[in-house]
């Protein structure tokens, strides 16, 4: 996946939230605007060539001082936001590093 292509799809509103992403967005108290901003200033942190559902990647982006992780995949011609969350220990020691 290419970050510029992901950003273009978000700018063109050619993306959807999975049910899981929507549940996680609400649990993290994140707004749609925050998720969009994080993607638009984000970078790909990890690529997943095929997780059984096709290609996806982990994007890390920032809204002010808040790091947000967004897992993106493809659904036809659209990007699907698979999950969104704020990276925290113990899963992440910082926004770029797993474990801790």
Protein backbone atom coordinates (compact mmCIF):
# COMPACT_ATOMS: atom_id res chain seq x y z
CA UNK A 1 0.00 0.00 0.00
CA UNK A 2 1.13 3.53 -0.70
CA UNK A 3 0.58 6.36 1.81
CA UNK A 4 -0.07 8.93 -0.91
CA UNK A 5 -2.78 6.74 -2.42
CA UNK A 6 -4.36 6.32 1.03
CA UNK A 7 -4.28 10.08 1.60
CA UNK A 8 -5.85 10.71 -1.80
CA UNK A 9 -8.69 8.29 -1.04
CA UNK A 10 -9.32 10.04 2.29
CA UNK A 11 -9.27 13.49 0.66
CA UNK A 12 -11.81 12.25 -1.92
CA UNK A 13 -13.96 10.67 0.82
CA UNK A 14 -13.39 7.25 -0.76
CA UNK A 15 -13.06 5.35 2.48
CA UNK A 16 -15.27 3.50 4.93
CA UNK A 17 -15.02 2.47 8.57
CA UNK A 18 -15.31 -1.18 9.54
CA UNK A 19 -17.64 -1.89 12.44
CA UNK A 20 -14.56 -2.66 14.53
CA UNK A 21 -12.94 0.69 13.65
CA UNK A 22 -16.12 2.53 14.59
CA UNK A 23 -16.31 0.75 17.95
CA UNK A 24 -12.65 1.48 18.64
CA UNK A 25 -13.03 5.12 17.53
CA UNK A 26 -15.83 5.59 20.05
CA UNK A 27 -13.96 3.73 22.81
CA UNK A 28 -10.94 6.00 22.29
CA UNK A 29 -13.24 9.07 22.16
CA UNK A 30 -11.82 10.07 18.75
CA UNK A 31 -13.71 12.12 16.18
CA UNK A 32 -13.94 11.44 12.46
CA UNK A 33 -12.02 14.68 11.88
CA UNK A 34 -9.18 13.52 14.13
CA UNK A 35 -8.90 10.23 12.26
CA UNK A 36 -8.83 12.03 8.90
CA UNK A 37 -6.17 14.48 10.12
CA UNK A 38 -4.04 11.62 11.46
CA UNK A 39 -4.18 9.79 8.12
CA UNK A 40 -3.47 12.95 6.13
CA UNK A 41 -0.30 13.73 8.09
CA UNK A 42 0.59 10.09 8.67
CA UNK A 43 3.19 7.62 7.52
CA UNK A 44 3.11 3.86 7.06
CA UNK A 45 4.62 2.15 10.09
CA UNK A 46 4.07 -1.51 9.12
CA UNK A 47 2.91 -3.30 5.97
CA UNK A 48 0.92 -6.51 6.02
CA UNK A 49 1.05 -8.10 2.53
CA UNK A 50 -1.82 -10.50 3.17
CA UNK A 51 -3.57 -11.11 6.47
CA UNK A 52 -6.16 -13.44 4.95
CA UNK A 53 -8.33 -10.47 3.98
CA UNK A 54 -5.89 -8.88 1.56
CA UNK A 55 -3.19 -6.26 1.82
CA UNK A 56 -3.24 -3.76 4.69
CA UNK A 57 -0.94 -1.44 6.60
CA UNK A 58 -0.57 0.37 9.90
CA UNK A 59 -0.47 4.16 9.61
CA UNK A 60 0.76 6.39 12.43
CA UNK A 61 -0.41 9.99 12.39
CA UNK A 62 -0.73 12.85 14.82
CA UNK A 63 -3.45 15.25 15.90
CA UNK A 64 -1.76 17.95 17.94
CA UNK A 65 0.25 15.90 20.49
CA UNK A 66 -1.91 12.78 20.18
CA UNK A 67 -0.56 9.81 18.19
CA UNK A 68 -3.19 7.70 16.44
CA UNK A 69 -2.75 4.32 14.75
CA UNK A 70 -5.01 3.47 11.83
CA UNK A 71 -4.97 0.06 10.12
CA UNK A 72 -6.00 0.53 6.47
CA UNK A 73 -6.94 -2.02 3.84
CA UNK A 74 -8.77 -2.13 0.53
CA UNK A 75 -12.44 -2.72 -0.15
CA UNK A 76 -12.85 -2.52 -3.91
CA UNK A 77 -11.86 0.98 -4.98
CA UNK A 78 -12.14 2.35 -1.45
CA UNK A 79 -9.88 2.30 1.57
CA UNK A 80 -11.34 0.58 4.61
CA UNK A 81 -10.28 1.71 8.05
CA UNK A 82 -10.02 -1.61 9.83
CA UNK A 83 -9.20 -0.34 13.30
CA UNK A 84 -8.12 2.88 14.99
CA UNK A 85 -6.53 3.33 18.40
CA UNK A 86 -4.14 5.36 20.49
CA UNK A 87 -0.89 3.37 20.87
CA UNK A 88 -0.14 2.67 24.54
CA UNK A 89 1.95 0.32 26.65
CA UNK A 90 2.24 -2.59 26.90
CA UNK A 91 1.50 -3.14 23.19
CA UNK A 92 3.54 -0.07 22.15
CA UNK A 93 6.35 1.55 24.14
CA UNK A 94 6.02 4.64 21.93
CA UNK A 95 4.03 5.38 18.75
CA UNK A 96 6.68 3.69 16.57
CA UNK A 97 7.85 0.75 18.71
CA UNK A 98 6.05 -2.45 19.67
CA UNK A 99 6.52 -3.88 23.13
CA UNK A 100 8.19 -2.26 26.02
